[in-house]
Amino acid sequence: MGGTVEELITAAIAAEEKAYTFYAGVLRKFQHVPRVAAIWRDLMEDEEEQRRLLEKARANLTPKELQAPADPDVLYRIKGVLHFSPENSLQAVRNLEDAYAVALDLENSEVNAIFEFILDKYVAADEEERKHMVDVYLRDHIRRLQDLQEEVQRQNVQVAD
């Protein structure tokens, strides 16, 4: 499956937008539980920041770099991620455990690995900068999901009517 670097980054941006849409939706569903809503808000804002970084990376590449062939395996994997439907997933969410399960599946999909690949290949200037970006953009994001897991275990929260 051939494609360009521009197509890869554009697809990664679309994946971040889908994650943002899902997190915005569950934020609305759980706004009646402040601690849980705060975690969803943080996850949503992380996705927005990741999208902005990808857009910046795309803008900083030359036309020649953008038209270069993308890694076919990574391009194939990101196209698989694009099958995620935040709208369908939100319709299936009845309680916090449902929402957490979708979020966990989403975060365990290829989206974060592809984001890290793009950071490594097209953004970070050196190893120290890359490590910092991974810590800021991915590790903190995963930590928030772990905080959510603790909330799932502590309480049986239903969506707001």
C-alpha atoms as a PDB file:
ATOM      1  CA  MET A   1       0.000   0.000   0.000  1.00  0.00           C
ATOM      2  CA  GLY A   2       1.782   3.127  -1.211  1.00  0.00           C
ATOM      3  CA  GLY A   3       1.319   6.619   0.066  1.00  0.00           C
ATOM      4  CA  THR A   4       3.162   9.782   0.907  1.00  0.00           C
ATOM      5  CA  VAL A   5       4.434  11.247   4.142  1.00  0.00           C
ATOM      6  CA  GLU A   6       1.750  13.906   3.784  1.00  0.00           C
ATOM      7  CA  GLU A   7      -0.957  11.222   3.567  1.00  0.00           C
ATOM      8  CA  LEU A   8       0.472   9.498   6.638  1.00  0.00           C
ATOM      9  CA  ILE A   9       0.524  12.654   8.746  1.00  0.00           C
ATOM     10  CA  THR A  10      -2.919  13.701   7.506  1.00  0.00           C
ATOM     11  CA  ALA A  11      -4.305  10.287   8.477  1.00  0.00           C
ATOM     12  CA  ALA A  12      -2.639  10.553  11.901  1.00  0.00           C
ATOM     13  CA  ILE A  13      -4.277  13.968  12.376  1.00  0.00           C
ATOM     14  CA  ALA A  14      -7.652  12.437  11.489  1.00  0.00           C
ATOM     15  CA  ALA A  15      -7.057   9.671  14.063  1.00  0.00           C
ATOM     16  CA  GLU A  16      -6.291  12.272  16.748  1.00  0.00           C
ATOM     17  CA  GLU A  17      -9.491  14.116  15.798  1.00  0.00           C
ATOM     18  CA  LYS A  18     -11.507  10.910  16.207  1.00  0.00           C
ATOM     19  CA  ALA A  19      -9.999  10.340  19.654  1.00  0.00           C
ATOM     20  CA  TYR A  20     -10.749  13.971  20.568  1.00  0.00           C
ATOM     21  CA  THR A  21     -14.374  13.529  19.473  1.00  0.00           C
ATOM     22  CA  PHE A  22     -14.729  10.396  21.592  1.00  0.00           C
ATOM     23  CA  TYR A  23     -13.213  12.047  24.675  1.00  0.00           C
ATOM     24  CA  ALA A  24     -15.392  15.149  24.216  1.00  0.00           C
ATOM     25  CA  GLY A  25     -18.427  12.873  24.068  1.00  0.00           C
ATOM     26  CA  VAL A  26     -17.606  10.948  27.223  1.00  0.00           C
ATOM     27  CA  LEU A  27     -16.779  14.223  28.957  1.00  0.00           C
ATOM     28  CA  ARG A  28     -20.371  15.304  28.269  1.00  0.00           C
ATOM     29  CA  LYS A  29     -21.705  11.943  29.476  1.00  0.00           C
ATOM     30  CA  PHE A  30     -19.794  12.106  32.768  1.00  0.00           C
ATOM     31  CA  GLN A  31     -19.745  15.820  33.519  1.00  0.00           C
ATOM     32  CA  HIS A  32     -21.882  15.091  36.585  1.00  0.00           C
ATOM     33  CA  VAL A  33     -18.846  13.390  38.214  1.00  0.00           C
ATOM     34  CA  PRO A  34     -16.182  16.118  38.567  1.00  0.00           C
ATOM     35  CA  ARG A  35     -13.135  13.863  39.113  1.00  0.00           C
ATOM     36  CA  VAL A  36     -14.024  11.645  36.160  1.00  0.00           C
ATOM     37  CA  ALA A  37     -14.912  14.643  33.978  1.00  0.00           C
ATOM     38  CA  ALA A  38     -11.518  16.200  34.739  1.00  0.00           C
ATOM     39  CA  ILE A  39      -9.729  13.067  33.500  1.00  0.00           C
ATOM     40  CA  TRP A  40     -11.798  12.975  30.296  1.00  0.00           C
ATOM     41  CA  ARG A  41     -11.085  16.685  29.773  1.00  0.00           C
ATOM     42  CA  ASP A  42      -7.342  16.112  30.191  1.00  0.00           C
ATOM     43  CA  LEU A  43      -7.410  13.200  27.726  1.00  0.00           C
ATOM     44  CA  MET A  44      -9.383  15.306  25.254  1.00  0.00           C
ATOM     45  CA  GLU A  45      -6.917  18.186  25.574  1.00  0.00           C
ATOM     46  CA  ASP A  46      -4.005  15.762  25.085  1.00  0.00           C
ATOM     47  CA  GLU A  47      -5.520  14.669  21.772  1.00  0.00           C
ATOM     48  CA  GLU A  48      -5.909  18.284  20.696  1.00  0.00           C
ATOM     49  CA  GLU A  49      -2.277  19.008  21.556  1.00  0.00           C
ATOM     50  CA  GLN A  50      -1.115  15.908  19.674  1.00  0.00           C
ATOM     51  CA  ARG A  51      -3.157  17.002  16.653  1.00  0.00           C
ATOM     52  CA  ARG A  52      -1.554  20.458  16.776  1.00  0.00           C
ATOM     53  CA  LEU A  53       1.915  18.946  16.952  1.00  0.00           C
ATOM     54  CA  LEU A  54       1.200  16.760  13.924  1.00  0.00           C
ATOM     55  CA  GLU A  55      -0.111  19.763  11.997  1.00  0.00           C
ATOM     56  CA  LYS A  56       3.034  21.683  12.911  1.00  0.00           C
ATOM     57  CA  ALA A  57       5.192  18.763  11.772  1.00  0.00           C
ATOM     58  CA  ARG A  58       3.358  18.663   8.444  1.00  0.00           C
ATOM     59  CA  ALA A  59       3.719  22.439   8.005  1.00  0.00           C
ATOM     60  CA  ASN A  60       7.462  22.280   8.714  1.00  0.00           C
ATOM     61  CA  LEU A  61       8.187  19.675   6.041  1.00  0.00           C
ATOM     62  CA  THR A  62       9.173  20.735   2.548  1.00  0.00           C
ATOM     63  CA  PRO A  63       6.975  19.817  -0.429  1.00  0.00           C
ATOM     64  CA  LYS A  64       9.598  17.254  -1.423  1.00  0.00           C
ATOM     65  CA  GLU A  65       9.558  15.695   2.066  1.00  0.00           C
ATOM     66  CA  LEU A  66       5.749  15.633   2.083  1.00  0.00           C
ATOM     67  CA  GLN A  67       5.633  13.830  -1.257  1.00  0.00           C
ATOM     68  CA  ALA A  68       8.254  11.267  -0.232  1.00  0.00           C
ATOM     69  CA  PRO A  69       6.997   7.698   0.150  1.00  0.00           C
ATOM     70  CA  ALA A  70       5.739   6.894   3.635  1.00  0.00           C
ATOM     71  CA  ASP A  71       6.593   3.674   5.411  1.00  0.00           C
ATOM     72  CA  PRO A  72       3.965   1.325   3.891  1.00  0.00           C
ATOM     73  CA  ASP A  73       3.510  -0.655   7.115  1.00  0.00           C
ATOM     74  CA  VAL A  74       2.851   2.476   9.170  1.00  0.00           C
ATOM     75  CA  LEU A  75       0.502   3.835   6.520  1.00  0.00           C
ATOM     76  CA  TYR A  76      -1.411   0.548   6.501  1.00  0.00           C
ATOM     77  CA  ARG A  77      -1.657   0.586  10.310  1.00  0.00           C
ATOM     78  CA  ILE A  78      -2.950   4.169  10.484  1.00  0.00           C
ATOM     79  CA  LYS A  79      -5.618   3.436   7.893  1.00  0.00           C
ATOM     80  CA  GLY A  80      -6.817   0.626  10.172  1.00  0.00           C
ATOM     81  CA  VAL A  81      -7.117   3.087  13.059  1.00  0.00           C
ATOM     82  CA  LEU A  82      -9.327   5.326  10.930  1.00  0.00           C
ATOM     83  CA  HIS A  83     -12.083   2.696  11.057  1.00  0.00           C
ATOM     84  CA  PHE A  84     -12.762   3.741  14.674  1.00  0.00           C
ATOM     85  CA  SER A  85     -16.123   5.495  14.943  1.00  0.00           C
ATOM     86  CA  PRO A  86     -16.383   7.787  17.952  1.00  0.00           C
ATOM     87  CA  GLU A  87     -20.106   8.218  17.326  1.00  0.00           C
ATOM     88  CA  ASN A  88     -20.823   4.470  17.356  1.00  0.00           C
ATOM     89  CA  SER A  89     -18.586   3.986  20.376  1.00  0.00           C
ATOM     90  CA  LEU A  90     -20.339   6.765  22.288  1.00  0.00           C
ATOM     91  CA  GLN A  91     -23.740   5.219  21.591  1.00  0.00           C
ATOM     92  CA  ALA A  92     -22.561   2.003  23.255  1.00  0.00           C
ATOM     93  CA  VAL A  93     -21.331   3.733  26.439  1.00  0.00           C
ATOM     94  CA  ARG A  94     -23.758   3.223  29.327  1.00  0.00           C
ATOM     95  CA  ASN A  95     -21.395   3.530  32.283  1.00  0.00           C
ATOM     96  CA  LEU A  96     -17.837   4.454  33.202  1.00  0.00           C
ATOM     97  CA  GLU A  97     -16.610   0.910  32.687  1.00  0.00           C
ATOM     98  CA  ASP A  98     -17.895   0.944  29.086  1.00  0.00           C
ATOM     99  CA  ALA A  99     -16.210   4.285  28.428  1.00  0.00           C
ATOM    100  CA  TYR A 100     -12.953   3.122  29.964  1.00  0.00           C
ATOM    101  CA  ALA A 101     -12.970  -0.057  27.846  1.00  0.00           C
ATOM    102  CA  VAL A 102     -13.351   1.964  24.631  1.00  0.00           C
ATOM    103  CA  ALA A 103     -10.652   4.415  25.735  1.00  0.00           C
ATOM    104  CA  LEU A 104      -8.309   1.554  26.560  1.00  0.00           C
ATOM    105  CA  ASP A 105      -8.917  -0.064  23.163  1.00  0.00           C
ATOM    106  CA  LEU A 106      -8.361   3.273  21.457  1.00  0.00           C
ATOM    107  CA  GLU A 107      -5.124   3.982  23.303  1.00  0.00           C
ATOM    108  CA  ASN A 108      -3.886   0.424  22.749  1.00  0.00           C
ATOM    109  CA  SER A 109      -4.577   0.711  19.031  1.00  0.00           C
ATOM    110  CA  GLU A 110      -1.812   1.757  16.687  1.00  0.00           C
ATOM    111  CA  VAL A 111      -2.541   5.469  17.154  1.00  0.00           C
ATOM    112  CA  ASN A 112       0.065   6.126  19.862  1.00  0.00           C
ATOM    113  CA  ALA A 113       2.743   3.999  18.197  1.00  0.00           C
ATOM    114  CA  ILE A 114       2.182   5.882  14.953  1.00  0.00           C
ATOM    115  CA  PHE A 115       2.252   9.227  16.758  1.00  0.00           C
ATOM    116  CA  GLU A 116       5.578   8.222  18.312  1.00  0.00           C
ATOM    117  CA  PHE A 117       6.877   7.100  14.890  1.00  0.00           C
ATOM    118  CA  ILE A 118       6.003  10.494  13.395  1.00  0.00           C
ATOM    119  CA  LEU A 119       7.608  12.299  16.348  1.00  0.00           C
ATOM    120  CA  ASP A 120      10.746  10.270  15.883  1.00  0.00           C
ATOM    121  CA  LYS A 121      10.981  10.516  12.116  1.00  0.00           C
ATOM    122  CA  TYR A 122       9.596  13.960  11.312  1.00  0.00           C
ATOM    123  CA  VAL A 123       9.611  16.127  14.452  1.00  0.00           C
ATOM    124  CA  ALA A 124      12.259  15.536  17.091  1.00  0.00           C
ATOM    125  CA  ALA A 125      15.673  16.990  16.356  1.00  0.00           C
ATOM    126  CA  ASP A 126      17.633  14.810  18.760  1.00  0.00           C
ATOM    127  CA  GLU A 127      17.214  11.885  21.145  1.00  0.00           C
ATOM    128  CA  GLU A 128      16.802  14.040  24.249  1.00  0.00           C
ATOM    129  CA  GLU A 129      14.117  16.169  22.607  1.00  0.00           C
ATOM    130  CA  ARG A 130      12.317  13.051  21.346  1.00  0.00           C
ATOM    131  CA  LYS A 131      12.380  11.448  24.795  1.00  0.00           C
ATOM    132  CA  HIS A 132      10.955  14.616  26.316  1.00  0.00           C
ATOM    133  CA  MET A 133       8.181  14.744  23.711  1.00  0.00           C
ATOM    134  CA  VAL A 134       7.284  11.096  24.257  1.00  0.00           C
ATOM    135  CA  ASP A 135       7.171  11.716  28.012  1.00  0.00           C
ATOM    136  CA  VAL A 136       4.992  14.796  27.628  1.00  0.00           C
ATOM    137  CA  TYR A 137       2.706  13.653  24.833  1.00  0.00           C
ATOM    138  CA  LEU A 138       2.364   9.925  25.499  1.00  0.00           C
ATOM    139  CA  ARG A 139       3.446   8.901  28.992  1.00  0.00           C
ATOM    140  CA  ASP A 140       1.360  11.588  30.704  1.00  0.00           C
ATOM    141  CA  HIS A 141      -1.556  10.617  28.473  1.00  0.00           C
ATOM    142  CA  ILE A 142      -1.294   6.959  29.519  1.00  0.00           C
ATOM    143  CA  ARG A 143      -0.981   8.011  33.172  1.00  0.00           C
ATOM    144  CA  ARG A 144      -4.322   9.801  32.862  1.00  0.00           C
ATOM    145  CA  LEU A 145      -5.874   6.595  31.547  1.00  0.00           C
ATOM    146  CA  GLN A 146      -4.469   4.746  34.562  1.00  0.00           C
ATOM    147  CA  ASP A 147      -6.062   7.368  36.835  1.00  0.00           C
ATOM    148  CA  LEU A 148      -9.335   6.650  35.095  1.00  0.00           C
ATOM    149  CA  GLN A 149      -8.902   2.921  35.722  1.00  0.00           C
ATOM    150  CA  GLU A 150      -8.710   3.669  39.452  1.00  0.00           C
ATOM    151  CA  GLU A 151     -11.984   5.595  39.226  1.00  0.00           C
ATOM    152  CA  VAL A 152     -13.625   2.692  37.364  1.00  0.00           C
ATOM    153  CA  GLN A 153     -12.579   0.328  40.143  1.00  0.00           C
ATOM    154  CA  ARG A 154     -13.773   2.684  42.893  1.00  0.00           C
ATOM    155  CA  GLN A 155     -17.197   3.579  41.654  1.00  0.00           C
ATOM    156  CA  ASN A 156     -20.044   2.368  39.499  1.00  0.00           C
ATOM    157  CA  VAL A 157     -20.821   5.523  37.521  1.00  0.00           C
ATOM    158  CA  GLN A 158     -23.650   5.626  35.001  1.00  0.00           C
ATOM    159  CA  VAL A 159     -23.918   8.172  32.200  1.00  0.00           C
ATOM    160  CA  ALA A 160     -25.990  11.283  32.845  1.00  0.00           C
ATOM    161  CA  ASP A 161     -29.491  11.193  31.390  1.00  0.00           C
END
